[in-house]
Amino acid sequence: AVLTPPDVLSQFMLAVPLLLLYELGIFLSGFVSTRSRAPEESLPT
């Protein structure tokens, strides 16, 4: 609430990059966890 400006256009311009970074973080965490899990599943037990 401290960083957001009072007008709607500026709030939207601040929200779009934050949303894109949030989605990118979710995508990358899923990609990294899938990549790191694959070699463990292929080991014989």
C-alpha atoms as a PDB file:
ATOM      1  CA  ALA A   1       0.000   0.000   0.000  1.00  0.00           C
ATOM      2  CA  VAL A   2       2.950   2.335   0.537  1.00  0.00           C
ATOM      3  CA  LEU A   3       4.464   1.853  -2.934  1.00  0.00           C
ATOM      4  CA  THR A   4       1.272   1.914  -4.988  1.00  0.00           C
ATOM      5  CA  PRO A   5       0.274   5.272  -6.432  1.00  0.00           C
ATOM      6  CA  PRO A   6      -3.304   6.504  -5.988  1.00  0.00           C
ATOM      7  CA  ASP A   7      -4.395   6.507  -9.655  1.00  0.00           C
ATOM      8  CA  VAL A   8      -5.661   3.377 -11.391  1.00  0.00           C
ATOM      9  CA  LEU A   9      -3.383   3.543 -14.435  1.00  0.00           C
ATOM     10  CA  SER A  10      -0.208   3.660 -12.347  1.00  0.00           C
ATOM     11  CA  GLN A  11      -1.444   0.822 -10.148  1.00  0.00           C
ATOM     12  CA  PHE A  12      -2.104  -1.242 -13.272  1.00  0.00           C
ATOM     13  CA  MET A  13       1.358  -0.436 -14.643  1.00  0.00           C
ATOM     14  CA  LEU A  14       2.866  -1.632 -11.364  1.00  0.00           C
ATOM     15  CA  ALA A  15       0.666  -4.727 -11.093  1.00  0.00           C
ATOM     16  CA  VAL A  16       1.396  -6.166 -14.558  1.00  0.00           C
ATOM     17  CA  PRO A  17       5.170  -6.657 -14.083  1.00  0.00           C
ATOM     18  CA  LEU A  18       4.604  -8.019 -10.575  1.00  0.00           C
ATOM     19  CA  LEU A  19       2.078 -10.527 -11.894  1.00  0.00           C
ATOM     20  CA  LEU A  20       4.419 -11.593 -14.686  1.00  0.00           C
ATOM     21  CA  LEU A  21       7.288 -12.098 -12.241  1.00  0.00           C
ATOM     22  CA  TYR A  22       4.982 -14.094  -9.955  1.00  0.00           C
ATOM     23  CA  GLU A  23       3.878 -16.376 -12.803  1.00  0.00           C
ATOM     24  CA  LEU A  24       7.464 -16.758 -14.018  1.00  0.00           C
ATOM     25  CA  GLY A  25       8.523 -17.853 -10.529  1.00  0.00           C
ATOM     26  CA  ILE A  26       5.761 -20.461 -10.395  1.00  0.00           C
ATOM     27  CA  PHE A  27       6.707 -21.777 -13.839  1.00  0.00           C
ATOM     28  CA  LEU A  28      10.430 -21.935 -13.060  1.00  0.00           C
ATOM     29  CA  SER A  29       9.904 -23.654  -9.708  1.00  0.00           C
ATOM     30  CA  GLY A  30       7.777 -26.318 -11.370  1.00  0.00           C
ATOM     31  CA  PHE A  31      10.337 -26.736 -14.136  1.00  0.00           C
ATOM     32  CA  VAL A  32      13.266 -27.065 -11.713  1.00  0.00           C
ATOM     33  CA  SER A  33      11.462 -29.491  -9.405  1.00  0.00           C
ATOM     34  CA  THR A  34      10.449 -31.669 -12.366  1.00  0.00           C
ATOM     35  CA  ARG A  35      14.000 -31.684 -13.706  1.00  0.00           C
ATOM     36  CA  SER A  36      15.571 -32.550 -10.364  1.00  0.00           C
ATOM     37  CA  ARG A  37      13.033 -35.293  -9.607  1.00  0.00           C
ATOM     38  CA  ALA A  38      13.471 -37.203 -12.893  1.00  0.00           C
ATOM     39  CA  PRO A  39      16.931 -38.763 -12.221  1.00  0.00           C
ATOM     40  CA  GLU A  40      15.846 -40.028  -8.799  1.00  0.00           C
ATOM     41  CA  GLU A  41      12.882 -41.932 -10.241  1.00  0.00           C
ATOM     42  CA  SER A  42      15.055 -43.745 -12.788  1.00  0.00           C
ATOM     43  CA  LEU A  43      17.304 -45.330 -10.137  1.00  0.00           C
ATOM     44  CA  PRO A  44      16.615 -49.034  -9.500  1.00  0.00           C
ATOM     45  CA  THR A  45      15.458 -49.948  -6.015  1.00  0.00           C
END
